[in-house]
Amino acid sequence: MALDIDPRWLGDAAWPVAAPFGDASSGAEPPYAVHAAPAAPPVASGSFKEALAQLASGVAIVSCWDGTTPRGLLVSSITGLSVDPPRFLFCVRKEASSHDALRRAAHCGVTVLAEDDEREALRFSTSDLGHERFDPDRWRLAADAPPAYQGGLSTARCAISQVIDAGTHSVFIVAATALRLTPGLPLIAHARAFRRLHDPGLSQGA
């Protein structure tokens, strides 16, 4: 009986060594020519930025003291790292004006913003409104703790426990030492705009 099949496709265990097949693994060449996988084209930075813009995330203001000057910036990379110990993780671009101050600081404040904190988010994400930051009517500015925003859903006083170099960014791991919670709904960053949970544009991918 003749079989129109190459026994090497099925491996040594599938076919007997005796005639008429012989040793299925004895051939010097594989049943198919082996070629290297084609090189994938590089991902364009513009396309990757668009992909990142589709990530819906909460936003937080990270603040610290730079000597006697308060510094802060808005981050959308905030995430919980662990509960025990209570730690956050966030990333900061090295070119950000507050990066070096944070890098030197031992402590920082982390405030997760509520949906009615959009104006404060704009103050810390655009240089045009930088002069409006750290208004004492909205911020607790005491030397014994990092600058603390009085709004938001949660405000944590944190010790900066680790800073990891990640190329154009630094990854900060911070441990909460004190926490204040306020009920409410979050402010969300999506597609280069601030949104709310009930915003129909969010569910439509706008």
N, C-alpha and C. Protein backbone atom coordinates (compact mmCIF):
# COMPACT_ATOMS: atom_id res chain seq x y z
N MET A 1 0.86 -1.20 0.00
CA MET A 1 0.00 0.00 0.00
C MET A 1 0.88 1.24 0.00
N ALA A 2 0.60 2.14 -0.85
CA ALA A 2 1.38 3.36 -0.92
C ALA A 2 0.60 4.50 -0.28
N LEU A 3 1.30 5.30 0.53
CA LEU A 3 0.68 6.46 1.17
C LEU A 3 1.31 7.73 0.61
N ASP A 4 0.47 8.64 0.20
CA ASP A 4 0.96 9.90 -0.36
C ASP A 4 1.17 10.90 0.78
N ILE A 5 2.19 10.65 1.62
CA ILE A 5 2.43 11.48 2.79
C ILE A 5 3.89 11.38 3.17
N ASP A 6 4.45 12.44 3.65
CA ASP A 6 5.83 12.42 4.13
C ASP A 6 5.80 12.08 5.61
N PRO A 7 6.33 10.91 6.02
CA PRO A 7 6.23 10.51 7.43
C PRO A 7 6.94 11.46 8.38
N ARG A 8 7.85 12.27 7.89
CA ARG A 8 8.56 13.19 8.78
C ARG A 8 7.63 14.27 9.34
N TRP A 9 6.50 14.51 8.73
CA TRP A 9 5.54 15.49 9.25
C TRP A 9 5.01 15.09 10.62
N LEU A 10 4.94 13.78 10.88
CA LEU A 10 4.29 13.31 12.09
C LEU A 10 5.27 12.92 13.20
N GLY A 11 6.55 12.99 12.92
CA GLY A 11 7.52 12.70 13.97
C GLY A 11 7.86 11.24 14.07
N ASP A 12 8.91 10.94 14.84
CA ASP A 12 9.41 9.57 14.94
C ASP A 12 8.39 8.61 15.51
N ALA A 13 7.60 9.02 16.50
CA ALA A 13 6.71 8.10 17.21
C ALA A 13 5.55 7.64 16.35
N ALA A 14 5.22 8.35 15.29
CA ALA A 14 4.02 8.03 14.52
C ALA A 14 4.26 6.95 13.46
N TRP A 15 5.51 6.69 13.13
CA TRP A 15 5.78 5.77 12.04
C TRP A 15 6.85 4.77 12.45
N PRO A 16 6.74 3.50 12.04
CA PRO A 16 7.75 2.51 12.38
C PRO A 16 9.05 2.77 11.65
N VAL A 17 10.15 2.31 12.28
CA VAL A 17 11.46 2.49 11.66
C VAL A 17 11.65 1.52 10.51
N ALA A 18 10.98 0.33 10.58
CA ALA A 18 11.17 -0.69 9.56
C ALA A 18 10.62 -0.25 8.21
N ALA A 19 11.05 -1.00 7.17
CA ALA A 19 10.56 -0.73 5.82
C ALA A 19 9.03 -0.80 5.80
N PRO A 20 8.32 -0.05 4.96
CA PRO A 20 8.91 0.70 3.86
C PRO A 20 9.30 2.14 4.18
N PHE A 21 9.12 2.57 5.47
CA PHE A 21 9.30 3.98 5.77
C PHE A 21 10.74 4.35 6.13
N GLY A 22 11.45 3.45 6.79
CA GLY A 22 12.78 3.80 7.24
C GLY A 22 12.71 4.71 8.45
N ASP A 23 13.84 5.32 8.79
CA ASP A 23 13.92 6.22 9.94
C ASP A 23 13.35 7.57 9.55
N ALA A 24 12.21 7.93 10.18
CA ALA A 24 11.54 9.18 9.79
C ALA A 24 12.37 10.41 10.11
N SER A 25 13.34 10.28 11.02
CA SER A 25 14.12 11.46 11.40
C SER A 25 15.52 11.45 10.79
N SER A 26 15.75 10.54 9.84
CA SER A 26 17.10 10.39 9.33
C SER A 26 17.47 11.38 8.25
N GLY A 27 16.49 12.05 7.69
CA GLY A 27 16.79 13.00 6.62
C GLY A 27 17.57 14.19 7.14
N ALA A 28 18.52 14.67 6.34
CA ALA A 28 19.32 15.82 6.76
C ALA A 28 18.54 17.11 6.64
N GLU A 29 17.55 17.09 5.73
CA GLU A 29 16.79 18.31 5.52
C GLU A 29 15.38 18.16 6.11
N PRO A 30 14.76 19.23 6.63
CA PRO A 30 13.38 19.16 7.11
C PRO A 30 12.43 19.07 5.93
N PRO A 31 11.17 18.70 6.17
CA PRO A 31 10.22 18.59 5.05
C PRO A 31 9.95 19.91 4.36
N TYR A 32 10.18 21.03 5.05
CA TYR A 32 10.00 22.34 4.44
C TYR A 32 11.25 23.16 4.67
N ALA A 33 11.54 24.04 3.77
CA ALA A 33 12.65 24.95 3.97
C ALA A 33 12.30 25.89 5.12
N VAL A 34 13.25 26.09 6.01
CA VAL A 34 13.03 26.94 7.18
C VAL A 34 13.57 28.33 6.88
N HIS A 35 12.74 29.31 7.05
CA HIS A 35 13.14 30.69 6.79
C HIS A 35 12.92 31.52 8.05
N ALA A 36 13.73 32.55 8.19
CA ALA A 36 13.55 33.47 9.31
C ALA A 36 12.23 34.22 9.14
N ALA A 37 11.59 34.48 10.26
CA ALA A 37 10.34 35.24 10.21
C ALA A 37 10.60 36.62 9.63
N PRO A 38 9.70 37.12 8.80
CA PRO A 38 9.91 38.47 8.23
C PRO A 38 9.96 39.52 9.33
N ALA A 39 10.84 40.46 9.15
CA ALA A 39 10.99 41.52 10.14
C ALA A 39 9.75 42.41 10.15
N ALA A 40 9.20 42.63 11.33
CA ALA A 40 8.03 43.49 11.45
C ALA A 40 8.44 44.95 11.29
N PRO A 41 7.66 45.75 10.59
CA PRO A 41 8.01 47.16 10.46
C PRO A 41 7.95 47.85 11.81
N PRO A 42 8.80 48.84 12.04
CA PRO A 42 8.77 49.53 13.34
C PRO A 42 7.44 50.25 13.55
N VAL A 43 7.03 50.34 14.82
CA VAL A 43 5.80 51.05 15.16
C VAL A 43 6.08 52.55 15.13
N ALA A 44 5.33 53.27 14.34
CA ALA A 44 5.51 54.72 14.25
C ALA A 44 5.13 55.37 15.56
N SER A 45 5.93 56.35 15.99
CA SER A 45 5.67 57.00 17.27
C SER A 45 4.31 57.69 17.28
N GLY A 46 3.92 58.26 16.14
CA GLY A 46 2.62 58.91 16.08
C GLY A 46 1.48 57.94 16.27
N SER A 47 1.61 56.76 15.67
CA SER A 47 0.57 55.74 15.83
C SER A 47 0.50 55.26 17.27
N PHE A 48 1.68 55.11 17.90
CA PHE A 48 1.67 54.64 19.27
C PHE A 48 1.07 55.68 20.21
N LYS A 49 1.31 56.95 19.94
CA LYS A 49 0.68 58.00 20.74
C LYS A 49 -0.85 57.93 20.62
N GLU A 50 -1.33 57.62 19.41
CA GLU A 50 -2.77 57.47 19.23
C GLU A 50 -3.30 56.29 20.03
N ALA A 51 -2.53 55.21 20.05
CA ALA A 51 -2.95 54.05 20.85
C ALA A 51 -3.01 54.41 22.33
N LEU A 52 -2.02 55.14 22.82
CA LEU A 52 -2.01 55.54 24.22
C LEU A 52 -3.19 56.47 24.54
N ALA A 53 -3.55 57.31 23.57
CA ALA A 53 -4.66 58.25 23.80
C ALA A 53 -5.98 57.51 24.01
N GLN A 54 -6.08 56.28 23.55
CA GLN A 54 -7.31 55.52 23.71
C GLN A 54 -7.44 54.86 25.08
N LEU A 55 -6.39 54.95 25.89
CA LEU A 55 -6.46 54.42 27.25
C LEU A 55 -7.22 55.40 28.14
N ALA A 56 -8.37 55.01 28.62
CA ALA A 56 -9.11 55.83 29.57
C ALA A 56 -8.56 55.59 30.97
N SER A 57 -8.24 56.67 31.68
CA SER A 57 -7.62 56.50 33.00
C SER A 57 -8.01 57.64 33.92
N GLY A 58 -7.91 57.36 35.20
CA GLY A 58 -8.07 58.42 36.17
C GLY A 58 -6.86 59.36 36.11
N VAL A 59 -6.99 60.52 36.70
CA VAL A 59 -5.89 61.48 36.72
C VAL A 59 -5.62 61.92 38.16
N ALA A 60 -4.38 62.26 38.41
CA ALA A 60 -3.98 62.67 39.75
C ALA A 60 -2.98 63.81 39.67
N ILE A 61 -2.99 64.65 40.68
CA ILE A 61 -1.96 65.68 40.82
C ILE A 61 -0.93 65.15 41.82
N VAL A 62 0.33 65.15 41.39
CA VAL A 62 1.43 64.79 42.27
C VAL A 62 2.16 66.07 42.64
N SER A 63 2.39 66.27 43.92
CA SER A 63 2.96 67.52 44.40
C SER A 63 4.10 67.26 45.38
N CYS A 64 5.00 68.24 45.47
CA CYS A 64 6.12 68.14 46.41
C CYS A 64 6.67 69.54 46.68
N TRP A 65 7.58 69.62 47.62
CA TRP A 65 8.28 70.87 47.90
C TRP A 65 9.62 70.86 47.17
N ASP A 66 9.97 71.98 46.59
CA ASP A 66 11.29 72.21 46.00
C ASP A 66 11.92 73.34 46.80
N GLY A 67 12.54 72.99 47.94
CA GLY A 67 12.94 74.01 48.89
C GLY A 67 11.69 74.57 49.54
N THR A 68 11.43 75.86 49.31
CA THR A 68 10.21 76.47 49.83
C THR A 68 9.17 76.71 48.73
N THR A 69 9.42 76.18 47.55
CA THR A 69 8.52 76.38 46.41
C THR A 69 7.71 75.11 46.16
N PRO A 70 6.38 75.20 46.08
CA PRO A 70 5.58 74.01 45.76
C PRO A 70 5.69 73.69 44.28
N ARG A 71 5.79 72.41 43.98
CA ARG A 71 5.85 71.94 42.60
C ARG A 71 4.79 70.86 42.41
N GLY A 72 4.30 70.73 41.19
CA GLY A 72 3.32 69.70 40.94
C GLY A 72 3.04 69.51 39.47
N LEU A 73 2.45 68.37 39.14
CA LEU A 73 2.07 68.08 37.77
C LEU A 73 0.93 67.09 37.76
N LEU A 74 0.25 67.02 36.61
CA LEU A 74 -0.85 66.08 36.44
C LEU A 74 -0.32 64.80 35.82
N VAL A 75 -0.74 63.65 36.34
CA VAL A 75 -0.34 62.37 35.75
C VAL A 75 -1.59 61.54 35.47
N SER A 76 -1.56 60.85 34.33
CA SER A 76 -2.62 59.89 34.01
C SER A 76 -2.11 58.46 34.11
N SER A 77 -0.83 58.32 34.48
CA SER A 77 -0.23 56.98 34.58
C SER A 77 -0.35 56.41 35.99
N ILE A 78 -1.14 57.04 36.84
CA ILE A 78 -1.25 56.60 38.24
C ILE A 78 -1.95 55.23 38.32
N THR A 79 -1.41 54.35 39.14
CA THR A 79 -2.02 53.05 39.37
C THR A 79 -1.65 52.56 40.75
N GLY A 80 -2.49 51.71 41.30
CA GLY A 80 -2.17 51.10 42.57
C GLY A 80 -1.19 49.95 42.36
N LEU A 81 -0.10 49.94 43.11
CA LEU A 81 0.90 48.89 42.97
C LEU A 81 0.65 47.75 43.95
N SER A 82 0.29 48.09 45.19
CA SER A 82 0.02 47.05 46.19
C SER A 82 -0.79 47.66 47.32
N VAL A 83 -1.45 46.78 48.07
CA VAL A 83 -2.22 47.21 49.24
C VAL A 83 -1.40 47.07 50.52
N ASP A 84 -0.57 46.07 50.57
CA ASP A 84 0.28 45.85 51.75
C ASP A 84 1.71 45.59 51.30
N PRO A 85 2.56 46.64 51.29
CA PRO A 85 2.32 48.01 51.76
C PRO A 85 1.47 48.81 50.76
N PRO A 86 0.83 49.90 51.24
CA PRO A 86 -0.04 50.70 50.37
C PRO A 86 0.79 51.59 49.44
N ARG A 87 0.92 51.18 48.18
CA ARG A 87 1.82 51.88 47.27
C ARG A 87 1.14 52.25 45.96
N PHE A 88 1.50 53.43 45.45
CA PHE A 88 1.14 53.87 44.11
C PHE A 88 2.35 53.74 43.20
N LEU A 89 2.07 53.69 41.90
CA LEU A 89 3.11 53.78 40.88
C LEU A 89 2.65 54.80 39.84
N PHE A 90 3.56 55.68 39.44
CA PHE A 90 3.25 56.61 38.36
C PHE A 90 4.54 56.95 37.61
N CYS A 91 4.37 57.46 36.39
CA CYS A 91 5.51 57.78 35.53
C CYS A 91 5.54 59.29 35.27
N VAL A 92 6.76 59.84 35.20
CA VAL A 92 6.92 61.27 34.95
C VAL A 92 7.96 61.46 33.84
N ARG A 93 7.61 62.23 32.86
CA ARG A 93 8.53 62.56 31.79
C ARG A 93 9.70 63.37 32.34
N LYS A 94 10.92 63.02 31.94
CA LYS A 94 12.09 63.69 32.49
C LYS A 94 12.15 65.16 32.11
N GLU A 95 11.50 65.53 31.01
CA GLU A 95 11.49 66.93 30.60
C GLU A 95 10.46 67.76 31.35
N ALA A 96 9.60 67.13 32.14
CA ALA A 96 8.59 67.87 32.91
C ALA A 96 9.27 68.79 33.91
N SER A 97 8.70 69.96 34.11
CA SER A 97 9.34 70.96 34.97
C SER A 97 9.45 70.50 36.42
N SER A 98 8.57 69.59 36.84
CA SER A 98 8.61 69.14 38.24
C SER A 98 9.42 67.85 38.42
N HIS A 99 9.93 67.28 37.35
CA HIS A 99 10.60 65.98 37.46
C HIS A 99 11.77 66.01 38.42
N ASP A 100 12.67 66.97 38.26
CA ASP A 100 13.88 66.98 39.08
C ASP A 100 13.57 67.24 40.54
N ALA A 101 12.57 68.09 40.80
CA ALA A 101 12.18 68.34 42.18
C ALA A 101 11.64 67.07 42.82
N LEU A 102 10.81 66.33 42.08
CA LEU A 102 10.30 65.06 42.59
C LEU A 102 11.43 64.06 42.80
N ARG A 103 12.39 64.08 41.90
CA ARG A 103 13.51 63.15 41.99
C ARG A 103 14.31 63.38 43.27
N ARG A 104 14.38 64.64 43.70
CA ARG A 104 15.14 64.98 44.90
C ARG A 104 14.33 64.83 46.18
N ALA A 105 13.00 64.85 46.05
CA ALA A 105 12.14 64.88 47.23
C ALA A 105 12.09 63.53 47.93
N ALA A 106 11.85 63.58 49.24
CA ALA A 106 11.65 62.35 50.02
C ALA A 106 10.17 62.01 50.14
N HIS A 107 9.30 63.03 50.00
CA HIS A 107 7.87 62.83 50.15
C HIS A 107 7.12 63.57 49.04
N CYS A 108 5.90 63.13 48.77
CA CYS A 108 5.05 63.82 47.80
C CYS A 108 3.59 63.62 48.17
N GLY A 109 2.75 64.45 47.59
CA GLY A 109 1.31 64.29 47.74
C GLY A 109 0.73 63.71 46.45
N VAL A 110 -0.27 62.85 46.59
CA VAL A 110 -0.95 62.26 45.42
C VAL A 110 -2.45 62.44 45.62
N THR A 111 -3.07 63.25 44.75
CA THR A 111 -4.51 63.48 44.83
C THR A 111 -5.19 62.97 43.57
N VAL A 112 -6.06 61.98 43.72
CA VAL A 112 -6.87 61.47 42.62
C VAL A 112 -8.06 62.41 42.45
N LEU A 113 -8.22 62.98 41.25
CA LEU A 113 -9.18 64.05 41.05
C LEU A 113 -10.60 63.55 40.81
N ALA A 114 -11.56 64.36 41.27
CA ALA A 114 -12.98 64.11 41.06
C ALA A 114 -13.44 64.81 39.79
N GLU A 115 -14.64 64.45 39.33
CA GLU A 115 -15.13 64.99 38.06
C GLU A 115 -15.31 66.51 38.08
N ASP A 116 -15.48 67.11 39.25
CA ASP A 116 -15.62 68.56 39.29
C ASP A 116 -14.29 69.27 39.52
N ASP A 117 -13.18 68.53 39.39
CA ASP A 117 -11.84 69.12 39.54
C ASP A 117 -11.18 69.40 38.19
N GLU A 118 -11.97 69.49 37.13
CA GLU A 118 -11.38 69.66 35.81
C GLU A 118 -10.55 70.94 35.70
N ARG A 119 -11.02 72.03 36.29
CA ARG A 119 -10.26 73.28 36.21
C ARG A 119 -8.90 73.12 36.88
N GLU A 120 -8.86 72.39 38.01
CA GLU A 120 -7.57 72.19 38.69
C GLU A 120 -6.67 71.30 37.83
N ALA A 121 -7.26 70.32 37.16
CA ALA A 121 -6.47 69.47 36.26
C ALA A 121 -5.84 70.30 35.15
N LEU A 122 -6.60 71.24 34.61
CA LEU A 122 -6.07 72.10 33.56
C LEU A 122 -4.93 72.98 34.08
N ARG A 123 -5.05 73.44 35.30
CA ARG A 123 -3.97 74.27 35.87
C ARG A 123 -2.65 73.52 35.91
N PHE A 124 -2.71 72.20 36.13
CA PHE A 124 -1.48 71.44 36.29
C PHE A 124 -1.09 70.68 35.03
N SER A 125 -1.83 70.86 33.95
CA SER A 125 -1.47 70.20 32.70
C SER A 125 -1.13 71.18 31.59
N THR A 126 -1.37 72.48 31.79
CA THR A 126 -1.06 73.48 30.78
C THR A 126 -0.26 74.61 31.41
N SER A 127 0.79 75.03 30.71
CA SER A 127 1.65 76.10 31.24
C SER A 127 0.92 77.44 31.28
N ASP A 128 -0.08 77.63 30.41
CA ASP A 128 -0.80 78.91 30.38
C ASP A 128 -1.50 79.21 31.70
N LEU A 129 -1.86 78.16 32.45
CA LEU A 129 -2.56 78.35 33.72
C LEU A 129 -1.66 78.07 34.91
N GLY A 130 -0.36 77.98 34.66
CA GLY A 130 0.57 77.67 35.73
C GLY A 130 0.55 78.67 36.87
N HIS A 131 0.24 79.93 36.55
CA HIS A 131 0.23 80.98 37.59
C HIS A 131 -0.93 80.80 38.57
N GLU A 132 -1.90 79.94 38.23
CA GLU A 132 -3.04 79.72 39.11
C GLU A 132 -2.84 78.53 40.06
N ARG A 133 -1.71 77.86 39.96
CA ARG A 133 -1.47 76.68 40.80
C ARG A 133 -1.22 77.06 42.26
N PHE A 134 -1.56 76.14 43.12
CA PHE A 134 -1.27 76.24 44.56
C PHE A 134 -1.90 77.46 45.22
N ASP A 135 -3.11 77.78 44.81
CA ASP A 135 -3.86 78.83 45.49
C ASP A 135 -4.14 78.36 46.92
N PRO A 136 -3.76 79.15 47.94
CA PRO A 136 -3.98 78.71 49.32
C PRO A 136 -5.44 78.51 49.69
N ASP A 137 -6.36 79.02 48.89
CA ASP A 137 -7.77 78.74 49.14
C ASP A 137 -8.13 77.30 48.77
N ARG A 138 -7.32 76.67 47.92
CA ARG A 138 -7.60 75.31 47.48
C ARG A 138 -6.54 74.31 47.96
N TRP A 139 -5.44 74.81 48.47
CA TRP A 139 -4.33 73.96 48.84
C TRP A 139 -3.89 74.19 50.28
N ARG A 140 -3.50 73.11 50.95
CA ARG A 140 -2.86 73.22 52.25
C ARG A 140 -1.36 73.25 52.00
N LEU A 141 -0.74 74.38 52.34
CA LEU A 141 0.68 74.58 52.09
C LEU A 141 1.39 74.74 53.43
N ALA A 142 1.73 73.63 54.03
CA ALA A 142 2.39 73.63 55.33
C ALA A 142 3.76 72.96 55.20
N ALA A 143 4.72 73.47 55.91
CA ALA A 143 6.08 72.97 55.78
C ALA A 143 6.25 71.54 56.29
N ASP A 144 5.31 71.07 57.11
CA ASP A 144 5.48 69.75 57.72
C ASP A 144 4.94 68.61 56.87
N ALA A 145 4.45 68.92 55.64
CA ALA A 145 3.88 67.88 54.78
C ALA A 145 3.93 68.37 53.33
N PRO A 146 3.84 67.46 52.37
CA PRO A 146 3.80 67.89 50.97
C PRO A 146 2.56 68.75 50.71
N PRO A 147 2.60 69.64 49.72
CA PRO A 147 1.40 70.41 49.37
C PRO A 147 0.22 69.48 49.13
N ALA A 148 -0.95 69.83 49.69
CA ALA A 148 -2.11 68.93 49.62
C ALA A 148 -3.31 69.69 49.05
N TYR A 149 -3.83 69.19 47.95
CA TYR A 149 -5.04 69.76 47.36
C TYR A 149 -6.24 69.41 48.24
N GLN A 150 -7.14 70.37 48.41
CA GLN A 150 -8.28 70.17 49.30
C GLN A 150 -9.47 69.49 48.63
N GLY A 151 -9.42 69.31 47.32
CA GLY A 151 -10.49 68.61 46.62
C GLY A 151 -10.10 67.17 46.35
N GLY A 152 -10.68 66.61 45.28
CA GLY A 152 -10.32 65.26 44.87
C GLY A 152 -11.10 64.17 45.56
N LEU A 153 -10.91 62.95 45.08
CA LEU A 153 -11.54 61.78 45.68
C LEU A 153 -10.69 61.20 46.79
N SER A 154 -9.38 61.33 46.65
CA SER A 154 -8.47 60.86 47.70
C SER A 154 -7.20 61.69 47.65
N THR A 155 -6.68 61.98 48.81
CA THR A 155 -5.40 62.68 48.91
C THR A 155 -4.51 61.89 49.85
N ALA A 156 -3.35 61.50 49.35
CA ALA A 156 -2.43 60.69 50.13
C ALA A 156 -1.13 61.44 50.34
N ARG A 157 -0.62 61.36 51.56
CA ARG A 157 0.75 61.79 51.83
C ARG A 157 1.63 60.56 51.64
N CYS A 158 2.68 60.69 50.83
CA CYS A 158 3.46 59.51 50.44
C CYS A 158 4.96 59.73 50.64
N ALA A 159 5.61 58.64 50.98
CA ALA A 159 7.07 58.60 50.98
C ALA A 159 7.52 58.02 49.65
N ILE A 160 8.48 58.68 49.01
CA ILE A 160 9.00 58.19 47.74
C ILE A 160 10.02 57.10 48.05
N SER A 161 9.67 55.86 47.72
CA SER A 161 10.51 54.73 48.10
C SER A 161 11.45 54.27 47.01
N GLN A 162 11.10 54.51 45.73
CA GLN A 162 11.96 54.05 44.65
C GLN A 162 11.70 54.87 43.40
N VAL A 163 12.77 55.18 42.66
CA VAL A 163 12.67 55.84 41.36
C VAL A 163 13.46 55.00 40.37
N ILE A 164 12.80 54.59 39.29
CA ILE A 164 13.40 53.70 38.31
C ILE A 164 13.58 54.46 37.00
N ASP A 165 14.77 54.42 36.46
CA ASP A 165 15.05 55.05 35.17
C ASP A 165 14.39 54.24 34.06
N ALA A 166 13.60 54.91 33.23
CA ALA A 166 12.91 54.24 32.13
C ALA A 166 13.06 55.05 30.85
N GLY A 167 14.27 55.40 30.50
CA GLY A 167 14.52 56.14 29.27
C GLY A 167 14.06 57.58 29.36
N THR A 168 13.03 57.93 28.60
CA THR A 168 12.54 59.31 28.60
C THR A 168 11.74 59.64 29.85
N HIS A 169 11.41 58.62 30.66
CA HIS A 169 10.59 58.81 31.85
C HIS A 169 11.27 58.21 33.08
N SER A 170 10.79 58.61 34.23
CA SER A 170 11.15 57.97 35.49
C SER A 170 9.90 57.35 36.08
N VAL A 171 10.04 56.17 36.61
CA VAL A 171 8.94 55.47 37.27
C VAL A 171 9.09 55.67 38.78
N PHE A 172 8.07 56.25 39.40
CA PHE A 172 8.09 56.52 40.84
C PHE A 172 7.22 55.50 41.56
N ILE A 173 7.76 54.91 42.60
CA ILE A 173 7.00 54.04 43.50
C ILE A 173 6.95 54.74 44.85
N VAL A 174 5.72 55.01 45.32
CA VAL A 174 5.55 55.79 46.54
C VAL A 174 4.63 55.04 47.49
N ALA A 175 4.88 55.17 48.77
CA ALA A 175 4.10 54.48 49.80
C ALA A 175 3.28 55.49 50.59
N ALA A 176 1.97 55.25 50.69
CA ALA A 176 1.09 56.17 51.41
C ALA A 176 1.31 56.04 52.91
N THR A 177 1.45 57.20 53.56
CA THR A 177 1.60 57.23 55.02
C THR A 177 0.40 57.88 55.71
N ALA A 178 -0.43 58.59 54.94
CA ALA A 178 -1.67 59.18 55.46
C ALA A 178 -2.63 59.33 54.29
N LEU A 179 -3.93 59.27 54.57
CA LEU A 179 -4.91 59.24 53.48
C LEU A 179 -6.20 59.92 53.91
N ARG A 180 -6.77 60.71 52.97
CA ARG A 180 -8.09 61.31 53.16
C ARG A 180 -8.96 60.92 51.98
N LEU A 181 -10.19 60.45 52.25
CA LEU A 181 -11.11 60.01 51.21
C LEU A 181 -12.35 60.89 51.17
N THR A 182 -12.86 61.15 49.95
CA THR A 182 -14.07 61.93 49.76
C THR A 182 -14.94 61.22 48.72
N PRO A 183 -16.22 60.98 49.01
CA PRO A 183 -17.08 60.29 48.03
C PRO A 183 -17.24 61.12 46.76
N GLY A 184 -17.43 60.44 45.64
CA GLY A 184 -17.64 61.14 44.38
C GLY A 184 -17.29 60.28 43.20
N LEU A 185 -17.35 60.87 42.01
CA LEU A 185 -17.00 60.19 40.76
C LEU A 185 -15.71 60.76 40.19
N PRO A 186 -14.95 59.95 39.45
CA PRO A 186 -13.63 60.40 39.01
C PRO A 186 -13.65 61.26 37.75
N LEU A 187 -12.61 62.07 37.62
CA LEU A 187 -12.31 62.74 36.36
C LEU A 187 -11.49 61.75 35.54
N ILE A 188 -11.78 61.68 34.24
CA ILE A 188 -11.15 60.68 33.37
C ILE A 188 -10.46 61.37 32.21
N ALA A 189 -9.26 60.90 31.89
CA ALA A 189 -8.55 61.36 30.70
C ALA A 189 -8.74 60.34 29.59
N HIS A 190 -9.19 60.82 28.42
CA HIS A 190 -9.39 59.92 27.28
C HIS A 190 -9.38 60.73 26.00
N ALA A 191 -8.60 60.26 25.01
CA ALA A 191 -8.54 60.90 23.70
C ALA A 191 -8.21 62.39 23.83
N ARG A 192 -7.23 62.68 24.67
CA ARG A 192 -6.70 64.05 24.86
C ARG A 192 -7.75 65.03 25.38
N ALA A 193 -8.67 64.54 26.17
CA ALA A 193 -9.68 65.40 26.77
C ALA A 193 -10.05 64.85 28.13
N PHE A 194 -10.62 65.70 28.98
CA PHE A 194 -11.14 65.26 30.26
C PHE A 194 -12.60 64.89 30.10
N ARG A 195 -12.99 63.77 30.69
CA ARG A 195 -14.34 63.27 30.55
C ARG A 195 -14.86 62.79 31.90
N ARG A 196 -16.15 62.46 31.91
CA ARG A 196 -16.79 61.93 33.11
C ARG A 196 -17.37 60.55 32.79
N LEU A 197 -17.66 59.79 33.81
CA LEU A 197 -18.14 58.44 33.59
C LEU A 197 -19.42 58.40 32.78
N HIS A 198 -20.30 59.41 32.94
CA HIS A 198 -21.56 59.41 32.21
C HIS A 198 -21.46 60.10 30.86
N ASP A 199 -20.24 60.49 30.45
CA ASP A 199 -20.02 61.16 29.18
C ASP A 199 -20.25 60.18 28.04
N PRO A 200 -21.25 60.38 27.16
CA PRO A 200 -21.49 59.42 26.07
C PRO A 200 -20.32 59.31 25.11
N GLY A 201 -19.51 60.38 25.02
CA GLY A 201 -18.37 60.36 24.14
C GLY A 201 -17.34 59.33 24.53
N LEU A 202 -17.28 59.00 25.82
CA LEU A 202 -16.32 58.01 26.29
C LEU A 202 -16.68 56.63 25.78
N SER A 203 -17.96 56.27 25.88
CA SER A 203 -18.37 54.94 25.44
C SER A 203 -18.33 54.80 23.92
N GLN A 204 -18.36 55.91 23.21
CA GLN A 204 -18.32 55.87 21.75
C GLN A 204 -16.90 55.96 21.22
N GLY A 205 -15.92 56.08 22.15
CA GLY A 205 -14.53 56.14 21.72
C GLY A 205 -14.14 57.48 21.09
N ALA A 206 -14.83 58.55 21.48
CA ALA A 206 -14.53 59.84 20.90
C ALA A 206 -13.20 60.34 21.42
